[in-house]
């Protein structure tokens, strides 16, 4: 497995690393908030239709400062997971500044499959959250994100499709890109951006 290869196996390794970090940092682990690639599956809906599996991650991103139980060999650990609003805003910023395929993939994945129901519902949660005050300051971020997902040929939409095909290789790349573009544009419109 390459160091940057996202997969279920890599995700399991990252989860074990997080478990070790939490065990080693106890009792301060209640102040760790998990961000990054471990988060999208926890924000995805369950049930019918079931979303596709998430591609995974190769690392653990935490913020030192919702609740989720992480099952690791050492036992169940309680860990804070970024909420939907915080995750979408931080992932939007990451997609703008870093612009890695995984950022575009994660952003569109959470917009498509979130527990709130979809992009408009996710935007409503952001607008109703304590983070709503930061939206005006992120307007240039949203302009760039909209451009990167303007249609199924835009860089962000195509990057999402490339990453999604690693999980569901039989899917149609154009449909995946179009779905990503539609989700991001619906989200931004619902935010008023």
Protein backbone atom coordinates (compact mmCIF):
# COMPACT_ATOMS: atom_id res chain seq x y z
CA UNK A 1 0.00 0.00 0.00
CA UNK A 2 1.42 3.39 -0.99
CA UNK A 3 1.70 6.03 1.75
CA UNK A 4 -1.02 8.16 0.16
CA UNK A 5 -3.36 5.35 -0.94
CA UNK A 6 -6.80 5.87 0.59
CA UNK A 7 -8.57 2.60 1.30
CA UNK A 8 -10.57 0.73 3.93
CA UNK A 9 -7.30 -0.84 5.13
CA UNK A 10 -5.64 2.58 5.44
CA UNK A 11 -8.71 3.88 7.29
CA UNK A 12 -8.49 0.99 9.76
CA UNK A 13 -4.84 1.85 10.41
CA UNK A 14 -5.79 5.51 10.93
CA UNK A 15 -8.57 4.49 13.33
CA UNK A 16 -6.11 2.38 15.32
CA UNK A 17 -3.69 5.30 15.41
CA UNK A 18 -6.46 7.56 16.70
CA UNK A 19 -7.30 4.96 19.33
CA UNK A 20 -3.69 4.89 20.49
CA UNK A 21 -3.58 8.68 20.55
CA UNK A 22 -6.72 8.81 22.68
CA UNK A 23 -5.41 6.17 25.07
CA UNK A 24 -2.05 7.91 25.34
CA UNK A 25 -3.57 11.36 25.83
CA UNK A 26 -6.18 10.37 28.43
CA UNK A 27 -7.72 12.11 30.28
CA UNK A 28 -7.36 15.05 27.86
CA UNK A 29 -8.87 13.09 24.93
CA UNK A 30 -12.24 14.72 25.58
CA UNK A 31 -10.67 17.89 24.14
CA UNK A 32 -9.69 16.30 20.80
CA UNK A 33 -12.01 16.85 17.85
CA UNK A 34 -11.50 14.59 14.85
CA UNK A 35 -11.41 16.29 11.44
CA UNK A 36 -10.38 15.07 8.01
CA UNK A 37 -11.00 11.79 6.24
CA UNK A 38 -12.26 9.87 9.28
CA UNK A 39 -15.29 12.18 9.47
CA UNK A 40 -17.32 11.79 6.22
CA UNK A 41 -18.64 8.28 6.97
CA UNK A 42 -19.91 9.48 10.36
CA UNK A 43 -21.81 12.32 8.66
CA UNK A 44 -23.30 10.09 5.96
CA UNK A 45 -26.85 8.86 6.25
CA UNK A 46 -27.71 5.24 6.77
CA UNK A 47 -30.64 3.35 5.32
CA UNK A 48 -32.13 3.35 1.88
CA UNK A 49 -30.69 4.20 -0.45
CA UNK A 50 -27.42 3.39 1.24
CA UNK A 51 -24.59 5.72 0.20
CA UNK A 52 -21.50 4.19 -1.36
CA UNK A 53 -18.62 3.44 0.96
CA UNK A 54 -16.28 6.35 1.59
CA UNK A 55 -12.81 6.02 0.05
CA UNK A 56 -11.07 6.22 3.42
CA UNK A 57 -8.08 8.12 4.69
CA UNK A 58 -4.40 7.64 5.37
CA UNK A 59 -4.03 9.95 8.36
CA UNK A 60 -5.66 11.34 11.48
CA UNK A 61 -6.48 15.04 11.68
CA UNK A 62 -7.45 16.33 15.11
CA UNK A 63 -8.20 19.71 16.60
CA UNK A 64 -7.36 20.32 20.24
CA UNK A 65 -10.12 22.10 21.92
CA UNK A 66 -21.34 14.88 18.14
CA UNK A 67 -20.02 12.32 20.09
CA UNK A 68 -18.87 9.11 18.45
CA UNK A 69 -17.78 5.72 19.74
CA UNK A 70 -14.68 4.39 18.03
CA UNK A 71 -14.28 0.62 18.30
CA UNK A 72 -10.60 -0.30 18.48
CA UNK A 73 -8.80 -3.37 19.81
CA UNK A 74 -8.15 -1.52 23.08
CA UNK A 75 -11.94 -1.14 23.58
CA UNK A 76 -14.63 1.42 22.77
CA UNK A 77 -13.37 5.00 22.93
CA UNK A 78 -15.54 8.07 23.01
CA UNK A 79 -14.30 10.78 20.67
CA UNK A 80 -15.67 14.08 19.40
CA UNK A 81 -16.28 14.28 15.67
CA UNK A 82 -16.59 17.55 13.78
CA UNK A 83 -20.22 18.48 13.22
CA UNK A 84 -21.73 18.90 9.78
CA UNK A 85 -21.47 22.71 9.72
CA UNK A 86 -17.89 22.85 10.94
CA UNK A 87 -16.81 20.05 8.67
CA UNK A 88 -18.31 21.59 5.53
CA UNK A 89 -16.81 25.01 6.20
CA UNK A 90 -13.36 23.61 7.04
CA UNK A 91 -13.45 21.27 4.02
CA UNK A 92 -14.47 24.20 1.79
CA UNK A 93 -11.44 26.12 3.04
CA UNK A 94 -9.19 23.08 2.50
CA UNK A 95 -10.53 22.59 -1.02
CA UNK A 96 -9.77 26.22 -1.80
CA UNK A 97 -6.30 26.39 -0.25
CA UNK A 98 -4.92 22.88 -0.71
CA UNK A 99 -7.11 21.80 -3.61
CA UNK A 100 -6.28 18.11 -3.31
CA UNK A 101 -8.53 15.56 -5.01
CA UNK A 102 -9.39 14.18 -1.57
CA UNK A 103 -10.71 17.60 -0.49
CA UNK A 104 -13.07 17.82 -3.46
CA UNK A 105 -14.13 14.20 -2.95
CA UNK A 106 -14.83 14.62 0.77
CA UNK A 107 -16.74 17.88 0.29
CA UNK A 108 -19.02 16.46 -2.40
CA UNK A 109 -19.40 13.11 -0.59
CA UNK A 110 -20.68 14.79 2.58
CA UNK A 111 -22.98 17.08 0.62
CA UNK A 112 -24.43 14.14 -1.31
CA UNK A 113 -24.82 11.70 1.58
CA UNK A 114 -25.11 13.71 4.81
CA UNK A 115 -27.45 12.77 7.63
CA UNK A 116 -29.42 16.00 7.18
CA UNK A 117 -30.68 14.77 3.82
CA UNK A 118 -28.77 16.66 1.13
CA UNK A 119 -27.05 19.87 0.12
CA UNK A 120 -29.91 22.27 0.92
CA UNK A 121 -30.49 20.68 4.31
CA UNK A 122 -26.75 20.86 5.04
CA UNK A 123 -26.74 24.57 4.12
CA UNK A 124 -29.68 25.15 6.46
CA UNK A 125 -27.72 23.53 9.29
CA UNK A 126 -24.71 25.74 8.53
CA UNK A 127 -26.91 28.87 8.50
CA UNK A 128 -28.52 27.90 11.81
CA UNK A 129 -25.22 27.02 13.48
CA UNK A 130 -22.90 29.10 15.63
CA UNK A 131 -20.66 29.29 12.55
CA UNK A 132 -23.15 31.32 10.51
CA UNK A 133 -21.29 34.51 11.41
CA UNK A 134 -18.21 33.39 9.44
CA UNK A 135 -20.12 32.96 6.16
CA UNK A 136 -19.65 36.56 4.93
CA UNK A 137 -15.89 36.26 5.45
CA UNK A 138 -15.83 33.07 3.38
CA UNK A 139 -17.47 34.56 0.30
CA UNK A 140 -14.27 34.45 -1.78
CA UNK A 141 -13.81 30.80 -0.76
CA UNK A 142 -17.31 30.02 -1.98
CA UNK A 143 -16.72 31.86 -5.27
CA UNK A 144 -13.68 29.66 -5.91
CA UNK A 145 -15.46 26.47 -4.85
CA UNK A 146 -18.38 27.29 -7.14
CA UNK A 147 -15.95 27.72 -10.05
CA UNK A 148 -14.25 24.40 -9.28
CA UNK A 149 -17.66 22.67 -9.36
CA UNK A 150 -19.37 24.85 -12.00
CA UNK A 151 -20.25 21.78 -14.09
CA UNK A 152 -19.22 18.15 -14.67
CA UNK A 153 -16.05 19.26 -16.50
CA UNK A 154 -14.73 21.49 -13.72
CA UNK A 155 -11.68 20.41 -11.75
CA UNK A 156 -13.43 19.79 -8.41
CA UNK A 157 -16.24 17.74 -9.95
CA UNK A 158 -13.80 15.65 -11.99
CA UNK A 159 -11.54 15.12 -8.97
CA UNK A 160 -14.53 13.90 -6.94
CA UNK A 161 -15.42 11.47 -9.73
CA UNK A 162 -11.85 10.11 -9.97
CA UNK A 163 -11.75 9.45 -6.24
CA UNK A 164 -15.28 7.97 -6.16
CA UNK A 165 -14.36 5.52 -8.93
CA UNK A 166 -11.79 4.01 -6.57
CA UNK A 167 -14.70 2.86 -4.40
CA UNK A 168 -17.30 2.14 -7.09
CA UNK A 169 -15.32 1.49 -10.30
CA UNK A 170 -18.41 0.49 -12.27
CA UNK A 171 -20.09 3.88 -11.84
CA UNK A 172 -20.21 6.38 -14.68
CA UNK A 173 -17.53 9.05 -14.23
CA UNK A 174 -19.62 11.72 -15.94
CA UNK A 175 -22.61 11.06 -13.69
CA UNK A 176 -20.39 11.14 -10.58
CA UNK A 177 -18.94 14.48 -11.70
CA UNK A 178 -22.37 15.89 -12.56
CA UNK A 179 -23.78 14.78 -9.18
CA UNK A 180 -20.85 16.44 -7.37
CA UNK A 181 -21.27 19.68 -9.31
CA UNK A 182 -25.02 19.72 -8.68
CA UNK A 183 -24.58 19.05 -4.95
CA UNK A 184 -22.01 21.79 -4.43
CA UNK A 185 -23.99 24.32 -6.46
CA UNK A 186 -27.20 23.48 -4.59
CA UNK A 187 -25.37 23.88 -1.26
CA UNK A 188 -23.87 27.24 -2.23
CA UNK A 189 -27.20 28.51 -3.57
CA UNK A 190 -28.93 27.51 -0.35
CA UNK A 191 -26.23 29.33 1.61
CA UNK A 192 -26.97 32.42 -0.49
CA UNK A 193 -23.53 32.33 -2.10
